[in-house]
Amino acid sequence: MSLKILFLCGHNSGRSIAAEAICKKIRPELKASSAGTKPGKRINPEVKKSLQKKGFSVIGSFPKSIDDVGGLSKWNKVITMGCMEKNCPVIPKGIEHEDWNLPDPATNIESIDETIQILITKIKKIN
């Protein structure tokens, strides 16, 4: 059985959707998806552009809610992007959880490339 990972943040329009795209390309053996507690209307265009420049596709991707991905209990591991104190729900017992505490591109546009590189490094190390 492959590990099922949910990347979770507030709007699912930047960090978590980037994590999903990166994971699907560099760790295809993992089942990955992403969601937001309050999904945005669209993917952050600067995040989308930066991902595409680095060879990651978000074609067909869109901001999703936790319910859209089957709820939290469907996943073996939930990785939050740094929103635990603000928007993220309590992670149920029995589900592995990490918080990666990444800068939010919605408030710090200059951080996008650095955040993508951090995501690449961290996703390579998931086990």
N, C-alpha and C. Protein backbone atom coordinates (compact mmCIF):
# COMPACT_ATOMS: atom_id res chain seq x y z
N MET A 1 0.84 -1.18 0.00
CA MET A 1 0.00 0.00 0.00
C MET A 1 0.88 1.24 0.00
N SER A 2 0.58 2.18 -0.89
CA SER A 2 1.39 3.38 -0.95
C SER A 2 0.91 4.39 0.09
N LEU A 3 1.83 5.23 0.51
CA LEU A 3 1.53 6.28 1.48
C LEU A 3 0.63 7.32 0.83
N LYS A 4 -0.44 7.70 1.54
CA LYS A 4 -1.37 8.71 1.05
C LYS A 4 -1.15 9.99 1.85
N ILE A 5 -0.75 11.04 1.13
CA ILE A 5 -0.37 12.31 1.77
C ILE A 5 -1.30 13.42 1.32
N LEU A 6 -1.78 14.19 2.30
CA LEU A 6 -2.56 15.38 2.02
C LEU A 6 -1.76 16.60 2.45
N PHE A 7 -1.52 17.51 1.51
CA PHE A 7 -0.88 18.78 1.80
C PHE A 7 -2.00 19.78 2.07
N LEU A 8 -1.93 20.46 3.21
CA LEU A 8 -3.05 21.28 3.66
C LEU A 8 -2.59 22.68 4.03
N CYS A 9 -3.32 23.69 3.55
CA CYS A 9 -3.09 25.07 3.98
C CYS A 9 -4.41 25.82 3.95
N GLY A 10 -4.36 27.11 4.11
CA GLY A 10 -5.57 27.90 4.22
C GLY A 10 -6.40 27.95 2.95
N HIS A 11 -5.79 28.36 1.83
CA HIS A 11 -6.56 28.60 0.62
C HIS A 11 -6.32 27.59 -0.50
N ASN A 12 -5.34 26.71 -0.33
CA ASN A 12 -5.00 25.72 -1.36
C ASN A 12 -4.80 26.40 -2.72
N SER A 13 -4.11 27.53 -2.69
CA SER A 13 -3.85 28.25 -3.94
C SER A 13 -2.37 28.54 -4.15
N GLY A 14 -1.53 28.15 -3.19
CA GLY A 14 -0.10 28.43 -3.28
C GLY A 14 0.73 27.25 -2.81
N ARG A 15 1.09 27.25 -1.52
CA ARG A 15 2.03 26.25 -0.99
C ARG A 15 1.54 24.81 -1.13
N SER A 16 0.31 24.54 -0.71
CA SER A 16 -0.14 23.15 -0.72
C SER A 16 -0.36 22.63 -2.13
N ILE A 17 -0.85 23.47 -3.01
CA ILE A 17 -1.06 23.04 -4.40
C ILE A 17 0.30 22.84 -5.09
N ALA A 18 1.29 23.67 -4.72
CA ALA A 18 2.66 23.48 -5.22
C ALA A 18 3.23 22.15 -4.72
N ALA A 19 3.01 21.86 -3.44
CA ALA A 19 3.50 20.60 -2.87
C ALA A 19 2.89 19.40 -3.58
N GLU A 20 1.60 19.48 -3.88
CA GLU A 20 0.94 18.39 -4.60
C GLU A 20 1.57 18.19 -5.98
N ALA A 21 1.76 19.28 -6.73
CA ALA A 21 2.33 19.19 -8.08
C ALA A 21 3.75 18.62 -8.05
N ILE A 22 4.54 19.08 -7.09
CA ILE A 22 5.92 18.61 -6.97
C ILE A 22 5.94 17.14 -6.59
N CYS A 23 5.13 16.76 -5.61
CA CYS A 23 5.10 15.37 -5.16
C CYS A 23 4.69 14.43 -6.28
N LYS A 24 3.70 14.81 -7.05
CA LYS A 24 3.23 13.95 -8.14
C LYS A 24 4.32 13.72 -9.18
N LYS A 25 5.20 14.69 -9.36
CA LYS A 25 6.27 14.53 -10.36
C LYS A 25 7.48 13.79 -9.80
N ILE A 26 7.94 14.18 -8.61
CA ILE A 26 9.20 13.60 -8.13
C ILE A 26 9.02 12.38 -7.23
N ARG A 27 7.80 12.15 -6.74
CA ARG A 27 7.51 10.98 -5.90
C ARG A 27 6.22 10.31 -6.36
N PRO A 28 6.17 9.85 -7.61
CA PRO A 28 4.93 9.30 -8.16
C PRO A 28 4.43 8.05 -7.43
N GLU A 29 5.28 7.43 -6.63
CA GLU A 29 4.85 6.24 -5.89
C GLU A 29 3.94 6.60 -4.70
N LEU A 30 3.90 7.89 -4.34
CA LEU A 30 3.04 8.36 -3.26
C LEU A 30 1.72 8.83 -3.85
N LYS A 31 0.65 8.65 -3.11
CA LYS A 31 -0.65 9.21 -3.51
C LYS A 31 -0.76 10.56 -2.81
N ALA A 32 -0.75 11.64 -3.60
CA ALA A 32 -0.74 12.98 -3.02
C ALA A 32 -1.91 13.80 -3.52
N SER A 33 -2.43 14.63 -2.62
CA SER A 33 -3.44 15.61 -2.99
C SER A 33 -3.23 16.82 -2.08
N SER A 34 -4.04 17.84 -2.29
CA SER A 34 -3.94 19.03 -1.46
C SER A 34 -5.33 19.60 -1.25
N ALA A 35 -5.44 20.40 -0.19
CA ALA A 35 -6.72 21.03 0.13
C ALA A 35 -6.47 22.26 0.98
N GLY A 36 -7.54 23.05 1.12
CA GLY A 36 -7.48 24.23 1.97
C GLY A 36 -8.69 24.28 2.88
N THR A 37 -8.51 24.92 4.04
CA THR A 37 -9.62 25.05 4.97
C THR A 37 -10.66 26.04 4.44
N LYS A 38 -10.20 27.02 3.68
CA LYS A 38 -11.08 28.00 3.02
C LYS A 38 -10.55 28.20 1.61
N PRO A 39 -10.85 27.26 0.69
CA PRO A 39 -10.24 27.29 -0.64
C PRO A 39 -10.44 28.62 -1.37
N GLY A 40 -9.36 29.03 -2.03
CA GLY A 40 -9.42 30.24 -2.85
C GLY A 40 -10.20 29.99 -4.14
N LYS A 41 -10.29 31.01 -4.95
CA LYS A 41 -11.02 30.91 -6.22
C LYS A 41 -10.14 30.35 -7.34
N ARG A 42 -8.82 30.57 -7.22
CA ARG A 42 -7.90 30.12 -8.27
C ARG A 42 -6.50 29.94 -7.69
N ILE A 43 -5.66 29.27 -8.44
CA ILE A 43 -4.26 29.10 -8.06
C ILE A 43 -3.57 30.46 -8.18
N ASN A 44 -2.74 30.79 -7.23
CA ASN A 44 -1.95 32.02 -7.28
C ASN A 44 -1.17 32.03 -8.61
N PRO A 45 -1.39 33.03 -9.48
CA PRO A 45 -0.75 33.03 -10.80
C PRO A 45 0.78 33.07 -10.75
N GLU A 46 1.34 33.68 -9.72
CA GLU A 46 2.81 33.73 -9.60
C GLU A 46 3.37 32.36 -9.21
N VAL A 47 2.65 31.65 -8.36
CA VAL A 47 3.04 30.29 -7.98
C VAL A 47 2.96 29.39 -9.21
N LYS A 48 1.87 29.50 -9.94
CA LYS A 48 1.67 28.71 -11.16
C LYS A 48 2.81 28.95 -12.16
N LYS A 49 3.15 30.21 -12.38
CA LYS A 49 4.21 30.57 -13.32
C LYS A 49 5.57 30.00 -12.86
N SER A 50 5.87 30.14 -11.59
CA SER A 50 7.13 29.64 -11.06
C SER A 50 7.22 28.12 -11.14
N LEU A 51 6.13 27.43 -10.83
CA LEU A 51 6.10 25.96 -10.94
C LEU A 51 6.34 25.53 -12.39
N GLN A 52 5.66 26.18 -13.33
CA GLN A 52 5.79 25.83 -14.74
C GLN A 52 7.23 26.05 -15.23
N LYS A 53 7.86 27.14 -14.77
CA LYS A 53 9.26 27.40 -15.17
C LYS A 53 10.19 26.29 -14.68
N LYS A 54 9.83 25.65 -13.58
CA LYS A 54 10.66 24.59 -13.00
C LYS A 54 10.22 23.20 -13.47
N GLY A 55 9.25 23.14 -14.38
CA GLY A 55 8.85 21.86 -14.97
C GLY A 55 7.76 21.12 -14.23
N PHE A 56 7.02 21.80 -13.36
CA PHE A 56 5.93 21.18 -12.61
C PHE A 56 4.60 21.66 -13.17
N SER A 57 3.68 20.74 -13.37
CA SER A 57 2.40 21.06 -13.99
C SER A 57 1.29 21.20 -12.95
N VAL A 58 0.46 22.21 -13.13
CA VAL A 58 -0.74 22.34 -12.33
C VAL A 58 -1.98 22.30 -13.24
N ILE A 59 -1.80 21.78 -14.44
CA ILE A 59 -2.92 21.64 -15.36
C ILE A 59 -3.98 20.74 -14.72
N GLY A 60 -5.19 21.19 -14.71
CA GLY A 60 -6.29 20.43 -14.11
C GLY A 60 -6.42 20.62 -12.61
N SER A 61 -5.46 21.32 -12.00
CA SER A 61 -5.52 21.56 -10.55
C SER A 61 -6.37 22.78 -10.24
N PHE A 62 -6.97 22.76 -9.08
CA PHE A 62 -7.78 23.90 -8.62
C PHE A 62 -7.87 23.81 -7.10
N PRO A 63 -8.11 24.93 -6.43
CA PRO A 63 -8.25 24.90 -4.97
C PRO A 63 -9.42 24.01 -4.54
N LYS A 64 -9.15 23.13 -3.56
CA LYS A 64 -10.14 22.16 -3.08
C LYS A 64 -10.31 22.29 -1.57
N SER A 65 -11.46 21.89 -1.10
CA SER A 65 -11.72 21.84 0.35
C SER A 65 -11.31 20.47 0.89
N ILE A 66 -11.28 20.36 2.20
CA ILE A 66 -10.99 19.07 2.84
C ILE A 66 -12.05 18.04 2.45
N ASP A 67 -13.30 18.46 2.38
CA ASP A 67 -14.38 17.55 1.97
C ASP A 67 -14.19 17.07 0.53
N ASP A 68 -13.68 17.96 -0.34
CA ASP A 68 -13.46 17.59 -1.75
C ASP A 68 -12.47 16.43 -1.91
N VAL A 69 -11.58 16.26 -0.93
CA VAL A 69 -10.57 15.18 -1.02
C VAL A 69 -10.90 14.02 -0.07
N GLY A 70 -12.14 13.95 0.38
CA GLY A 70 -12.58 12.81 1.18
C GLY A 70 -12.41 12.95 2.67
N GLY A 71 -12.09 14.14 3.15
CA GLY A 71 -11.89 14.34 4.59
C GLY A 71 -10.48 13.96 5.02
N LEU A 72 -10.15 14.27 6.26
CA LEU A 72 -8.79 14.02 6.77
C LEU A 72 -8.51 12.54 7.04
N SER A 73 -9.53 11.80 7.45
CA SER A 73 -9.31 10.41 7.87
C SER A 73 -8.93 9.49 6.71
N LYS A 74 -9.09 9.93 5.49
CA LYS A 74 -8.73 9.14 4.31
C LYS A 74 -7.21 9.06 4.11
N TRP A 75 -6.46 9.95 4.75
CA TRP A 75 -5.03 10.12 4.49
C TRP A 75 -4.19 9.54 5.61
N ASN A 76 -3.03 8.93 5.24
CA ASN A 76 -2.10 8.41 6.24
C ASN A 76 -1.31 9.53 6.91
N LYS A 77 -1.05 10.58 6.13
CA LYS A 77 -0.21 11.66 6.61
C LYS A 77 -0.78 12.99 6.12
N VAL A 78 -0.86 13.96 7.02
CA VAL A 78 -1.28 15.31 6.66
C VAL A 78 -0.11 16.24 6.94
N ILE A 79 0.27 17.00 5.93
CA ILE A 79 1.37 17.96 6.06
C ILE A 79 0.79 19.35 5.87
N THR A 80 0.82 20.14 6.95
CA THR A 80 0.35 21.51 6.87
C THR A 80 1.52 22.41 6.50
N MET A 81 1.20 23.54 5.90
CA MET A 81 2.21 24.41 5.32
C MET A 81 2.62 25.57 6.23
N GLY A 82 2.11 25.59 7.44
CA GLY A 82 2.46 26.67 8.36
C GLY A 82 1.24 27.44 8.83
N CYS A 83 0.11 26.79 8.79
CA CYS A 83 -1.14 27.48 9.12
C CYS A 83 -1.78 26.96 10.40
N MET A 84 -1.08 26.16 11.16
CA MET A 84 -1.72 25.48 12.30
C MET A 84 -2.33 26.46 13.30
N GLU A 85 -1.68 27.60 13.54
CA GLU A 85 -2.24 28.50 14.53
C GLU A 85 -3.43 29.30 14.00
N LYS A 86 -3.58 29.38 12.68
CA LYS A 86 -4.63 30.24 12.11
C LYS A 86 -5.85 29.46 11.66
N ASN A 87 -5.70 28.64 10.62
CA ASN A 87 -6.85 28.09 9.92
C ASN A 87 -6.99 26.58 9.95
N CYS A 88 -5.94 25.87 10.24
CA CYS A 88 -6.00 24.42 10.05
C CYS A 88 -6.75 23.72 11.17
N PRO A 89 -7.48 22.69 10.81
CA PRO A 89 -8.27 21.96 11.80
C PRO A 89 -7.38 21.06 12.67
N VAL A 90 -7.97 20.57 13.73
CA VAL A 90 -7.27 19.59 14.55
C VAL A 90 -7.14 18.32 13.73
N ILE A 91 -5.94 17.76 13.69
CA ILE A 91 -5.70 16.54 12.94
C ILE A 91 -6.11 15.35 13.82
N PRO A 92 -6.99 14.48 13.33
CA PRO A 92 -7.46 13.37 14.15
C PRO A 92 -6.32 12.43 14.59
N LYS A 93 -6.50 11.83 15.75
CA LYS A 93 -5.52 10.84 16.24
C LYS A 93 -5.42 9.71 15.23
N GLY A 94 -4.22 9.18 15.11
CA GLY A 94 -3.98 8.07 14.20
C GLY A 94 -3.50 8.51 12.83
N ILE A 95 -3.54 9.82 12.57
CA ILE A 95 -3.03 10.33 11.30
C ILE A 95 -1.72 11.06 11.59
N GLU A 96 -0.68 10.63 10.91
CA GLU A 96 0.61 11.28 11.09
C GLU A 96 0.51 12.72 10.59
N HIS A 97 1.15 13.64 11.32
CA HIS A 97 1.06 15.06 10.97
C HIS A 97 2.42 15.74 11.11
N GLU A 98 2.72 16.60 10.14
CA GLU A 98 3.88 17.49 10.22
C GLU A 98 3.42 18.88 9.81
N ASP A 99 4.02 19.90 10.40
CA ASP A 99 3.79 21.27 9.95
C ASP A 99 5.12 21.81 9.43
N TRP A 100 5.15 22.19 8.15
CA TRP A 100 6.39 22.63 7.52
C TRP A 100 6.65 24.12 7.66
N ASN A 101 5.71 24.89 8.13
CA ASN A 101 5.90 26.30 8.45
C ASN A 101 6.61 27.09 7.33
N LEU A 102 6.01 27.08 6.15
CA LEU A 102 6.59 27.75 4.99
C LEU A 102 6.00 29.15 4.81
N PRO A 103 6.79 30.07 4.24
CA PRO A 103 6.26 31.41 3.97
C PRO A 103 5.08 31.34 3.00
N ASP A 104 4.11 32.21 3.20
CA ASP A 104 2.91 32.24 2.37
C ASP A 104 3.13 33.16 1.18
N PRO A 105 3.11 32.63 -0.05
CA PRO A 105 3.32 33.49 -1.22
C PRO A 105 2.23 34.55 -1.39
N ALA A 106 1.08 34.36 -0.78
CA ALA A 106 0.02 35.37 -0.87
C ALA A 106 0.43 36.66 -0.17
N THR A 107 1.28 36.54 0.84
CA THR A 107 1.73 37.72 1.58
C THR A 107 3.20 38.03 1.36
N ASN A 108 3.93 37.13 0.70
CA ASN A 108 5.37 37.32 0.49
C ASN A 108 5.74 36.77 -0.89
N ILE A 109 5.46 37.52 -1.93
CA ILE A 109 5.65 37.08 -3.31
C ILE A 109 7.11 36.71 -3.60
N GLU A 110 8.04 37.36 -2.93
CA GLU A 110 9.46 37.08 -3.15
C GLU A 110 9.87 35.70 -2.66
N SER A 111 9.04 35.07 -1.85
CA SER A 111 9.40 33.78 -1.26
C SER A 111 9.05 32.59 -2.14
N ILE A 112 8.40 32.80 -3.27
CA ILE A 112 7.89 31.68 -4.06
C ILE A 112 8.98 30.70 -4.48
N ASP A 113 10.04 31.19 -5.11
CA ASP A 113 11.09 30.28 -5.58
C ASP A 113 11.76 29.55 -4.43
N GLU A 114 12.00 30.25 -3.32
CA GLU A 114 12.60 29.61 -2.15
C GLU A 114 11.66 28.55 -1.58
N THR A 115 10.39 28.86 -1.51
CA THR A 115 9.41 27.91 -0.98
C THR A 115 9.34 26.66 -1.86
N ILE A 116 9.35 26.84 -3.16
CA ILE A 116 9.34 25.68 -4.07
C ILE A 116 10.58 24.82 -3.86
N GLN A 117 11.73 25.44 -3.69
CA GLN A 117 12.95 24.66 -3.46
C GLN A 117 12.88 23.90 -2.13
N ILE A 118 12.36 24.53 -1.10
CA ILE A 118 12.20 23.86 0.20
C ILE A 118 11.25 22.67 0.04
N LEU A 119 10.15 22.87 -0.68
CA LEU A 119 9.20 21.78 -0.91
C LEU A 119 9.87 20.61 -1.62
N ILE A 120 10.65 20.88 -2.65
CA ILE A 120 11.36 19.82 -3.38
C ILE A 120 12.22 19.02 -2.41
N THR A 121 13.01 19.71 -1.62
CA THR A 121 13.92 19.05 -0.66
C THR A 121 13.13 18.20 0.34
N LYS A 122 12.08 18.77 0.92
CA LYS A 122 11.31 18.05 1.93
C LYS A 122 10.56 16.85 1.35
N ILE A 123 9.99 17.01 0.16
CA ILE A 123 9.24 15.93 -0.46
C ILE A 123 10.16 14.77 -0.82
N LYS A 124 11.37 15.05 -1.24
CA LYS A 124 12.33 13.98 -1.52
C LYS A 124 12.60 13.13 -0.30
N LYS A 125 12.48 13.72 0.90
CA LYS A 125 12.80 13.03 2.15
C LYS A 125 11.61 12.32 2.80
N ILE A 126 10.42 12.46 2.25
CA ILE A 126 9.25 11.81 2.86
C ILE A 126 9.43 10.29 2.83
N ASN A 127 9.15 9.67 3.96
CA ASN A 127 9.20 8.20 4.00
C ASN A 127 8.08 7.66 4.86
